[in-house]
C-alpha atoms as a PDB file:
ATOM      1  CA  MET A   1     132.887 109.269  80.957  1.00  0.00           C
ATOM      2  CA  SER A   2     131.908 106.237  78.907  1.00  0.00           C
ATOM      3  CA  GLN A   3     128.529 104.499  79.024  1.00  0.00           C
ATOM      4  CA  ALA A   4     130.209 101.358  80.411  1.00  0.00           C
ATOM      5  CA  THR A   5     131.724 103.350  83.274  1.00  0.00           C
ATOM      6  CA  LEU A   6     128.369 104.957  84.067  1.00  0.00           C
ATOM      7  CA  THR A   7     126.667 101.559  84.021  1.00  0.00           C
ATOM      8  CA  GLN A   8     129.306 100.084  86.353  1.00  0.00           C
ATOM      9  CA  GLU A   9     128.966 103.009  88.762  1.00  0.00           C
ATOM     10  CA  ALA A  10     125.175 102.694  88.779  1.00  0.00           C
ATOM     11  CA  ALA A  11     125.421  98.955  89.426  1.00  0.00           C
ATOM     12  CA  ALA A  12     127.824  99.562  92.307  1.00  0.00           C
ATOM     13  CA  THR A  13     125.421 101.972  94.027  1.00  0.00           C
ATOM     14  CA  THR A  14     122.108 100.252  93.212  1.00  0.00           C
ATOM     15  CA  PRO A  15     120.908  97.860  95.930  1.00  0.00           C
ATOM     16  CA  THR A  16     120.660  94.210  94.921  1.00  0.00           C
ATOM     17  CA  THR A  17     117.357  92.365  94.955  1.00  0.00           C
ATOM     18  CA  ALA A  18     118.440  90.382  98.021  1.00  0.00           C
ATOM     19  CA  ALA A  19     119.403  93.579  99.851  1.00  0.00           C
ATOM     20  CA  ILE A  20     116.087  95.202  98.972  1.00  0.00           C
ATOM     21  CA  ASP A  21     114.137  92.121 100.094  1.00  0.00           C
ATOM     22  CA  SER A  22     116.005  92.150 103.401  1.00  0.00           C
ATOM     23  CA  LEU A  23     115.311  95.843 103.988  1.00  0.00           C
ATOM     24  CA  LEU A  24     111.650  95.511 103.061  1.00  0.00           C
ATOM     25  CA  ALA A  25     111.255  92.704 105.588  1.00  0.00           C
ATOM     26  CA  GLU A  26     112.594  95.008 108.312  1.00  0.00           C
ATOM     27  CA  LEU A  27     110.303  97.948 107.527  1.00  0.00           C
ATOM     28  CA  ASP A  28     107.016  97.979 109.456  1.00  0.00           C
ATOM     29  CA  SER A  29     105.113 100.527 107.400  1.00  0.00           C
ATOM     30  CA  SER A  30     103.628  99.579 104.055  1.00  0.00           C
ATOM     31  CA  ASN A  31     104.149 103.197 102.939  1.00  0.00           C
ATOM     32  CA  ALA A  32     107.834 103.013 103.875  1.00  0.00           C
ATOM     33  CA  LYS A  33     108.179  99.812 101.856  1.00  0.00           C
ATOM     34  CA  LEU A  34     106.405 101.392  98.890  1.00  0.00           C
ATOM     35  CA  VAL A  35     108.496 104.580  98.957  1.00  0.00           C
ATOM     36  CA  TYR A  36     111.775 102.699  99.363  1.00  0.00           C
ATOM     37  CA  LEU A  37     110.973 100.246  96.566  1.00  0.00           C
ATOM     38  CA  TYR A  38     109.953 103.094  94.258  1.00  0.00           C
ATOM     39  CA  LEU A  39     113.172 105.004  94.967  1.00  0.00           C
ATOM     40  CA  ALA A  40     115.262 101.873  94.462  1.00  0.00           C
ATOM     41  CA  THR A  41     113.589 101.455  91.083  1.00  0.00           C
ATOM     42  CA  VAL A  42     113.778 105.030  89.755  1.00  0.00           C
ATOM     43  CA  GLU A  43     117.043 105.932  91.569  1.00  0.00           C
ATOM     44  CA  GLU A  44     115.922 109.493  92.433  1.00  0.00           C
ATOM     45  CA  ALA A  45     112.694 111.428  92.838  1.00  0.00           C
ATOM     46  CA  SER A  46     111.274 114.660  94.195  1.00  0.00           C
ATOM     47  CA  ILE A  47     108.445 114.978  96.719  1.00  0.00           C
ATOM     48  CA  ASP A  48     106.092 115.791  93.837  1.00  0.00           C
ATOM     49  CA  ASP A  49     107.285 112.718  91.917  1.00  0.00           C
ATOM     50  CA  LEU A  50     106.604 110.493  94.921  1.00  0.00           C
ATOM     51  CA  GLN A  51     103.182 112.007  95.588  1.00  0.00           C
ATOM     52  CA  THR A  52     102.107 111.626  91.977  1.00  0.00           C
ATOM     53  CA  ALA A  53     103.527 108.175  91.302  1.00  0.00           C
ATOM     54  CA  LEU A  54     102.511 106.610  94.613  1.00  0.00           C
ATOM     55  CA  GLU A  55      99.339 108.630  95.246  1.00  0.00           C
ATOM     56  CA  ILE A  56     100.435 109.426  98.799  1.00  0.00           C
ATOM     57  CA  GLN A  57      99.439 112.704 100.472  1.00  0.00           C
ATOM     58  CA  GLN A  58     102.098 114.949 102.011  1.00  0.00           C
ATOM     59  CA  LEU A  59     100.732 114.338 105.514  1.00  0.00           C
ATOM     60  CA  THR A  60     101.588 110.666 105.077  1.00  0.00           C
ATOM     61  CA  LEU A  61     104.656 111.048 102.890  1.00  0.00           C
ATOM     62  CA  PHE A  62     106.723 113.385 105.099  1.00  0.00           C
ATOM     63  CA  PRO A  63     106.730 111.163 108.216  1.00  0.00           C
ATOM     64  CA  THR A  64     107.486 108.167 105.996  1.00  0.00           C
ATOM     65  CA  LEU A  65     110.467 109.957 104.459  1.00  0.00           C
ATOM     66  CA  ARG A  66     111.645 111.054 107.900  1.00  0.00           C
ATOM     67  CA  THR A  67     111.551 107.448 109.129  1.00  0.00           C
ATOM     68  CA  LEU A  68     113.494 106.188 106.111  1.00  0.00           C
ATOM     69  CA  GLU A  69     115.996 109.017 106.510  1.00  0.00           C
ATOM     70  CA  ASP A  70     116.412 108.348 110.258  1.00  0.00           C
ATOM     71  CA  GLU A  71     117.167 104.714 109.421  1.00  0.00           C
ATOM     72  CA  ASP A  72     119.767 105.886 106.848  1.00  0.00           C
ATOM     73  CA  LEU A  73     117.879 104.205 104.009  1.00  0.00           C
ATOM     74  CA  ILE A  74     117.359 107.346 101.938  1.00  0.00           C
ATOM     75  CA  GLU A  75     119.185 110.631 101.449  1.00  0.00           C
ATOM     76  CA  ARG A  76     117.873 114.077 100.615  1.00  0.00           C
ATOM     77  CA  ASN A  77     119.936 116.436  98.524  1.00  0.00           C
ATOM     78  CA  GLY A  78     117.939 119.601  98.055  1.00  0.00           C
ATOM     79  CA  GLU A  79     114.695 118.503  96.446  1.00  0.00           C
ATOM     80  CA  THR A  80     116.077 115.169  95.259  1.00  0.00           C
ATOM     81  CA  ILE A  81     115.563 111.997  97.282  1.00  0.00           C
ATOM     82  CA  THR A  82     117.635 108.878  96.620  1.00  0.00           C
ATOM     83  CA  VAL A  83     118.300 105.499  98.190  1.00  0.00           C
ATOM     84  CA  ALA A  84     121.289 105.790 100.532  1.00  0.00           C
ATOM     85  CA  ALA A  85     124.496 104.360  99.124  1.00  0.00           C
END
């Protein structure tokens, strides 16, 4: 697969700035906003990545992830967490 094809596919699945702004306005929790924005920026992360980068403890992170997952904003695939397509 060519680099151009990969770039086009990434652009097609990456939320736009307007879409991200709209979603952030709807989220009540500052932690949910932070986690979602981080995932939208890095595209995928593990629990450890999120804890380290955002300095959020597991007791706070897990309910935040559950909320984002319940709202179909993120997806978990094994240990990898991504923004929902």
